[in-house]
């Protein structure tokens, strides 16, 4: 029987693969203690972030068993 890589469940829960193969994630720092942020900053935190580095994206996709 072939040996399979185990899926890293924490990475799988935090990231989502887009249709073009990029990784989308939620931004940090918006759960609490954000009353002192400007409205613009809080609004920007709502948007999803994209993992920009290609090497990191490849490692994370391997950890998620998506390739």
PDB file of N, CA and C in Angstrom:
ATOM      1  N   UNK A   1       0.839  -1.181   0.000  1.00  0.00           N
ATOM      2  CA  UNK A   1       0.000   0.000   0.000  1.00  0.00           C
ATOM      3  C   UNK A   1       0.879   1.237   0.000  1.00  0.00           C
ATOM      4  N   UNK A   2       0.510   2.213  -0.809  1.00  0.00           N
ATOM      5  CA  UNK A   2       1.299   3.441  -0.920  1.00  0.00           C
ATOM      6  C   UNK A   2       1.135   4.286   0.336  1.00  0.00           C
ATOM      7  N   UNK A   3       2.219   4.934   0.725  1.00  0.00           N
ATOM      8  CA  UNK A   3       2.172   5.795   1.900  1.00  0.00           C
ATOM      9  C   UNK A   3       1.673   7.175   1.485  1.00  0.00           C
ATOM     10  N   UNK A   4       0.665   7.689   2.193  1.00  0.00           N
ATOM     11  CA  UNK A   4       0.081   8.978   1.878  1.00  0.00           C
ATOM     12  C   UNK A   4       0.495  10.014   2.910  1.00  0.00           C
ATOM     13  N   UNK A   5       0.577  11.275   2.462  1.00  0.00           N
ATOM     14  CA  UNK A   5       0.837  12.358   3.397  1.00  0.00           C
ATOM     15  C   UNK A   5      -0.436  12.664   4.161  1.00  0.00           C
ATOM     16  N   UNK A   6      -0.280  12.939   5.453  1.00  0.00           N
ATOM     17  CA  UNK A   6      -1.439  13.319   6.254  1.00  0.00           C
ATOM     18  C   UNK A   6      -1.751  14.790   6.001  1.00  0.00           C
ATOM     19  N   UNK A   7      -3.024  15.112   5.941  1.00  0.00           N
ATOM     20  CA  UNK A   7      -3.448  16.489   5.753  1.00  0.00           C
ATOM     21  C   UNK A   7      -3.228  17.263   7.041  1.00  0.00           C
ATOM     22  N   UNK A   8      -2.677  18.469   6.924  1.00  0.00           N
ATOM     23  CA  UNK A   8      -2.535  19.358   8.064  1.00  0.00           C
ATOM     24  C   UNK A   8      -3.876  20.071   8.243  1.00  0.00           C
ATOM     25  N   UNK A   9      -4.653  19.618   9.218  1.00  0.00           N
ATOM     26  CA  UNK A   9      -6.027  20.095   9.369  1.00  0.00           C
ATOM     27  C   UNK A   9      -6.090  21.563   9.750  1.00  0.00           C
ATOM     28  N   UNK A  10      -5.104  22.060  10.498  1.00  0.00           N
ATOM     29  CA  UNK A  10      -5.140  23.469  10.893  1.00  0.00           C
ATOM     30  C   UNK A  10      -4.974  24.367   9.667  1.00  0.00           C
ATOM     31  N   UNK A  11      -4.126  23.966   8.731  1.00  0.00           N
ATOM     32  CA  UNK A  11      -3.944  24.735   7.495  1.00  0.00           C
ATOM     33  C   UNK A  11      -5.192  24.626   6.637  1.00  0.00           C
ATOM     34  N   UNK A  12      -5.776  23.453   6.582  1.00  0.00           N
ATOM     35  CA  UNK A  12      -6.974  23.221   5.771  1.00  0.00           C
ATOM     36  C   UNK A  12      -8.141  24.095   6.237  1.00  0.00           C
ATOM     37  N   UNK A  13      -8.237  24.323   7.561  1.00  0.00           N
ATOM     38  CA  UNK A  13      -9.337  25.124   8.089  1.00  0.00           C
ATOM     39  C   UNK A  13      -9.114  26.617   7.883  1.00  0.00           C
ATOM     40  N   UNK A  14      -7.872  27.051   7.784  1.00  0.00           N
ATOM     41  CA  UNK A  14      -7.574  28.476   7.722  1.00  0.00           C
ATOM     42  C   UNK A  14      -7.483  29.028   6.311  1.00  0.00           C
ATOM     43  N   UNK A  15      -7.253  28.184   5.325  1.00  0.00           N
ATOM     44  CA  UNK A  15      -7.021  28.643   3.962  1.00  0.00           C
ATOM     45  C   UNK A  15      -8.042  28.045   3.012  1.00  0.00           C
ATOM     46  N   UNK A  16      -8.269  28.762   1.916  1.00  0.00           N
ATOM     47  CA  UNK A  16      -9.165  28.281   0.872  1.00  0.00           C
ATOM     48  C   UNK A  16      -8.498  28.523  -0.466  1.00  0.00           C
ATOM     49  N   UNK A  17      -8.602  27.568  -1.371  1.00  0.00           N
ATOM     50  CA  UNK A  17      -7.988  27.685  -2.687  1.00  0.00           C
ATOM     51  C   UNK A  17      -8.978  28.362  -3.630  1.00  0.00           C
ATOM     52  N   UNK A  18      -8.506  29.404  -4.335  1.00  0.00           N
ATOM     53  CA  UNK A  18      -9.363  30.100  -5.290  1.00  0.00           C
ATOM     54  C   UNK A  18      -9.379  29.333  -6.611  1.00  0.00           C
ATOM     55  N   UNK A  19     -10.170  29.810  -7.532  1.00  0.00           N
ATOM     56  CA  UNK A  19     -10.271  29.149  -8.829  1.00  0.00           C
ATOM     57  C   UNK A  19      -8.990  29.218  -9.633  1.00  0.00           C
ATOM     58  N   UNK A  20      -8.180  30.245  -9.397  1.00  0.00           N
ATOM     59  CA  UNK A  20      -6.917  30.385 -10.132  1.00  0.00           C
ATOM     60  C   UNK A  20      -5.753  29.716  -9.418  1.00  0.00           C
ATOM     61  N   UNK A  21      -6.018  29.090  -8.261  1.00  0.00           N
ATOM     62  CA  UNK A  21      -4.965  28.363  -7.560  1.00  0.00           C
ATOM     63  C   UNK A  21      -4.272  29.159  -6.469  1.00  0.00           C
ATOM     64  N   UNK A  22      -4.723  30.379  -6.212  1.00  0.00           N
ATOM     65  CA  UNK A  22      -4.137  31.167  -5.128  1.00  0.00           C
ATOM     66  C   UNK A  22      -4.777  30.761  -3.804  1.00  0.00           C
ATOM     67  N   UNK A  23      -4.121  31.141  -2.704  1.00  0.00           N
ATOM     68  CA  UNK A  23      -4.645  30.826  -1.386  1.00  0.00           C
ATOM     69  C   UNK A  23      -5.214  32.079  -0.731  1.00  0.00           C
ATOM     70  N   UNK A  24      -6.416  31.955  -0.215  1.00  0.00           N
ATOM     71  CA  UNK A  24      -7.124  33.066   0.407  1.00  0.00           C
ATOM     72  C   UNK A  24      -7.233  32.767   1.900  1.00  0.00           C
ATOM     73  N   UNK A  25      -7.045  33.786   2.743  1.00  0.00           N
ATOM     74  CA  UNK A  25      -7.104  33.600   4.188  1.00  0.00           C
ATOM     75  C   UNK A  25      -7.753  34.814   4.832  1.00  0.00           C
ATOM     76  N   UNK A  26      -8.258  34.611   6.028  1.00  0.00           N
ATOM     77  CA  UNK A  26      -8.806  35.712   6.800  1.00  0.00           C
ATOM     78  C   UNK A  26      -7.687  36.475   7.485  1.00  0.00           C
ATOM     79  N   UNK A  27      -7.875  37.771   7.652  1.00  0.00           N
ATOM     80  CA  UNK A  27      -6.830  38.586   8.269  1.00  0.00           C
ATOM     81  C   UNK A  27      -6.927  38.529   9.787  1.00  0.00           C
ATOM     82  N   UNK A  28      -5.798  38.718  10.435  1.00  0.00           N
ATOM     83  CA  UNK A  28      -5.748  38.655  11.888  1.00  0.00           C
ATOM     84  C   UNK A  28      -5.952  40.040  12.486  1.00  0.00           C
ATOM     85  N   UNK A  29      -6.270  40.074  13.756  1.00  0.00           N
ATOM     86  CA  UNK A  29      -6.376  41.330  14.476  1.00  0.00           C
ATOM     87  C   UNK A  29      -7.740  41.967  14.442  1.00  0.00           C
ATOM     88  N   UNK A  30      -8.809  41.186  14.258  1.00  0.00           N
ATOM     89  CA  UNK A  30     -10.137  41.795  14.192  1.00  0.00           C
ATOM     90  C   UNK A  30     -11.117  41.191  15.195  1.00  0.00           C
ATOM     91  N   UNK A  31     -10.649  40.398  16.130  1.00  0.00           N
ATOM     92  CA  UNK A  31     -11.546  39.743  17.081  1.00  0.00           C
ATOM     93  C   UNK A  31     -11.925  40.657  18.249  1.00  0.00           C
ATOM     94  N   UNK A  32     -10.957  41.322  18.837  1.00  0.00           N
ATOM     95  CA  UNK A  32     -11.245  42.189  19.977  1.00  0.00           C
ATOM     96  C   UNK A  32     -10.160  43.249  20.060  1.00  0.00           C
ATOM     97  N   UNK A  33     -10.350  44.215  20.942  1.00  0.00           N
ATOM     98  CA  UNK A  33      -9.412  45.324  21.146  1.00  0.00           C
ATOM     99  C   UNK A  33      -9.196  46.120  19.863  1.00  0.00           C
ATOM    100  N   UNK A  34     -10.250  46.330  19.094  1.00  0.00           N
ATOM    101  CA  UNK A  34     -10.094  47.094  17.870  1.00  0.00           C
ATOM    102  C   UNK A  34     -10.956  48.364  17.857  1.00  0.00           C
ATOM    103  N   UNK A  35     -11.357  48.813  19.034  1.00  0.00           N
ATOM    104  CA  UNK A  35     -12.147  50.039  19.095  1.00  0.00           C
ATOM    105  C   UNK A  35     -11.305  51.258  18.738  1.00  0.00           C
ATOM    106  N   UNK A  36     -10.000  51.164  18.935  1.00  0.00           N
ATOM    107  CA  UNK A  36      -9.131  52.302  18.628  1.00  0.00           C
ATOM    108  C   UNK A  36      -8.733  52.353  17.162  1.00  0.00           C
ATOM    109  N   UNK A  37      -9.092  51.343  16.388  1.00  0.00           N
ATOM    110  CA  UNK A  37      -8.802  51.383  14.956  1.00  0.00           C
ATOM    111  C   UNK A  37      -9.725  52.392  14.278  1.00  0.00           C
ATOM    112  N   UNK A  38      -9.254  52.946  13.190  1.00  0.00           N
ATOM    113  CA  UNK A  38     -10.124  53.797  12.393  1.00  0.00           C
ATOM    114  C   UNK A  38     -11.126  52.913  11.652  1.00  0.00           C
ATOM    115  N   UNK A  39     -12.197  53.534  11.174  1.00  0.00           N
ATOM    116  CA  UNK A  39     -13.215  52.776  10.435  1.00  0.00           C
ATOM    117  C   UNK A  39     -12.610  52.188   9.169  1.00  0.00           C
ATOM    118  N   UNK A  40     -11.673  52.901   8.566  1.00  0.00           N
ATOM    119  CA  UNK A  40     -11.021  52.408   7.346  1.00  0.00           C
ATOM    120  C   UNK A  40     -10.234  51.133   7.639  1.00  0.00           C
ATOM    121  N   UNK A  41      -9.529  51.121   8.772  1.00  0.00           N
ATOM    122  CA  UNK A  41      -8.726  49.947   9.122  1.00  0.00           C
ATOM    123  C   UNK A  41      -9.615  48.742   9.390  1.00  0.00           C
ATOM    124  N   UNK A  42     -10.704  48.933  10.114  1.00  0.00           N
ATOM    125  CA  UNK A  42     -11.624  47.831  10.396  1.00  0.00           C
ATOM    126  C   UNK A  42     -12.262  47.310   9.109  1.00  0.00           C
ATOM    127  N   UNK A  43     -12.561  48.202   8.191  1.00  0.00           N
ATOM    128  CA  UNK A  43     -13.146  47.813   6.910  1.00  0.00           C
ATOM    129  C   UNK A  43     -12.144  47.002   6.091  1.00  0.00           C
ATOM    130  N   UNK A  44     -10.877  47.401   6.125  1.00  0.00           N
ATOM    131  CA  UNK A  44      -9.848  46.677   5.370  1.00  0.00           C
ATOM    132  C   UNK A  44      -9.586  45.293   5.949  1.00  0.00           C
ATOM    133  N   UNK A  45      -9.779  45.131   7.250  1.00  0.00           N
ATOM    134  CA  UNK A  45      -9.571  43.828   7.876  1.00  0.00           C
ATOM    135  C   UNK A  45     -10.639  42.821   7.481  1.00  0.00           C
ATOM    136  N   UNK A  46     -11.790  43.310   7.015  1.00  0.00           N
ATOM    137  CA  UNK A  46     -12.855  42.395   6.608  1.00  0.00           C
ATOM    138  C   UNK A  46     -12.515  41.648   5.322  1.00  0.00           C
ATOM    139  N   UNK A  47     -11.725  42.268   4.456  1.00  0.00           N
ATOM    140  CA  UNK A  47     -11.373  41.628   3.187  1.00  0.00           C
ATOM    141  C   UNK A  47     -10.443  40.444   3.425  1.00  0.00           C
ATOM    142  N   UNK A  48     -10.511  39.482   2.545  1.00  0.00           N
ATOM    143  CA  UNK A  48      -9.630  38.324   2.638  1.00  0.00           C
ATOM    144  C   UNK A  48      -8.240  38.676   2.129  1.00  0.00           C
ATOM    145  N   UNK A  49      -7.236  38.051   2.713  1.00  0.00           N
ATOM    146  CA  UNK A  49      -5.873  38.240   2.252  1.00  0.00           C
ATOM    147  C   UNK A  49      -5.480  37.127   1.300  1.00  0.00           C
ATOM    148  N   UNK A  50      -4.496  37.391   0.470  1.00  0.00           N
ATOM    149  CA  UNK A  50      -3.988  36.416  -0.494  1.00  0.00           C
ATOM    150  C   UNK A  50      -2.535  36.103  -0.142  1.00  0.00           C
ATOM    151  N   UNK A  51      -2.181  34.820  -0.152  1.00  0.00           N
ATOM    152  CA  UNK A  51      -0.786  34.441   0.072  1.00  0.00           C
ATOM    153  C   UNK A  51      -0.024  34.770  -1.205  1.00  0.00           C
ATOM    154  N   UNK A  52       0.968  35.649  -1.089  1.00  0.00           N
ATOM    155  CA  UNK A  52       1.648  36.146  -2.271  1.00  0.00           C
ATOM    156  C   UNK A  52       2.860  35.344  -2.700  1.00  0.00           C
ATOM    157  N   UNK A  53       3.555  34.746  -1.756  1.00  0.00           N
ATOM    158  CA  UNK A  53       4.791  34.038  -2.061  1.00  0.00           C
ATOM    159  C   UNK A  53       4.482  32.671  -2.683  1.00  0.00           C
ATOM    160  N   UNK A  54       5.076  32.396  -3.834  1.00  0.00           N
ATOM    161  CA  UNK A  54       4.785  31.160  -4.568  1.00  0.00           C
ATOM    162  C   UNK A  54       5.333  29.943  -3.833  1.00  0.00           C
ATOM    163  N   UNK A  55       6.523  30.058  -3.258  1.00  0.00           N
ATOM    164  CA  UNK A  55       7.112  28.910  -2.555  1.00  0.00           C
ATOM    165  C   UNK A  55       6.289  28.534  -1.330  1.00  0.00           C
ATOM    166  N   UNK A  56       5.816  29.529  -0.598  1.00  0.00           N
ATOM    167  CA  UNK A  56       4.988  29.254   0.572  1.00  0.00           C
ATOM    168  C   UNK A  56       3.659  28.648   0.133  1.00  0.00           C
ATOM    169  N   UNK A  57       3.097  29.141  -0.973  1.00  0.00           N
ATOM    170  CA  UNK A  57       1.844  28.598  -1.491  1.00  0.00           C
ATOM    171  C   UNK A  57       1.995  27.126  -1.831  1.00  0.00           C
ATOM    172  N   UNK A  58       3.110  26.764  -2.455  1.00  0.00           N
ATOM    173  CA  UNK A  58       3.342  25.359  -2.810  1.00  0.00           C
ATOM    174  C   UNK A  58       3.435  24.484  -1.571  1.00  0.00           C
ATOM    175  N   UNK A  59       4.119  24.967  -0.539  1.00  0.00           N
ATOM    176  CA  UNK A  59       4.249  24.189   0.700  1.00  0.00           C
ATOM    177  C   UNK A  59       2.901  24.018   1.383  1.00  0.00           C
ATOM    178  N   UNK A  60       2.096  25.081   1.393  1.00  0.00           N
ATOM    179  CA  UNK A  60       0.797  25.002   2.040  1.00  0.00           C
ATOM    180  C   UNK A  60      -0.159  24.098   1.267  1.00  0.00           C
ATOM    181  N   UNK A  61      -0.104  24.137  -0.055  1.00  0.00           N
ATOM    182  CA  UNK A  61      -0.944  23.237  -0.854  1.00  0.00           C
ATOM    183  C   UNK A  61      -0.560  21.786  -0.618  1.00  0.00           C
ATOM    184  N   UNK A  62       0.735  21.531  -0.444  1.00  0.00           N
ATOM    185  CA  UNK A  62       1.194  20.179  -0.143  1.00  0.00           C
ATOM    186  C   UNK A  62       0.691  19.740   1.219  1.00  0.00           C
ATOM    187  N   UNK A  63       0.697  20.667   2.198  1.00  0.00           N
ATOM    188  CA  UNK A  63       0.208  20.347   3.537  1.00  0.00           C
ATOM    189  C   UNK A  63      -1.292  20.092   3.534  1.00  0.00           C
ATOM    190  N   UNK A  64      -2.014  20.727   2.602  1.00  0.00           N
ATOM    191  CA  UNK A  64      -3.453  20.561   2.520  1.00  0.00           C
ATOM    192  C   UNK A  64      -3.854  19.372   1.653  1.00  0.00           C
ATOM    193  N   UNK A  65      -2.893  18.704   1.033  1.00  0.00           N
ATOM    194  CA  UNK A  65      -3.146  17.604   0.097  1.00  0.00           C
ATOM    195  C   UNK A  65      -4.034  18.057  -1.055  1.00  0.00           C
ATOM    196  N   UNK A  66      -3.741  19.234  -1.611  1.00  0.00           N
ATOM    197  CA  UNK A  66      -4.539  19.777  -2.709  1.00  0.00           C
ATOM    198  C   UNK A  66      -3.865  19.590  -4.057  1.00  0.00           C
ATOM    199  N   UNK A  67      -2.644  19.105  -4.091  1.00  0.00           N
ATOM    200  CA  UNK A  67      -1.976  18.934  -5.392  1.00  0.00           C
ATOM    201  C   UNK A  67      -1.923  17.499  -5.798  1.00  0.00           C
TER     202      UNK A  67
END
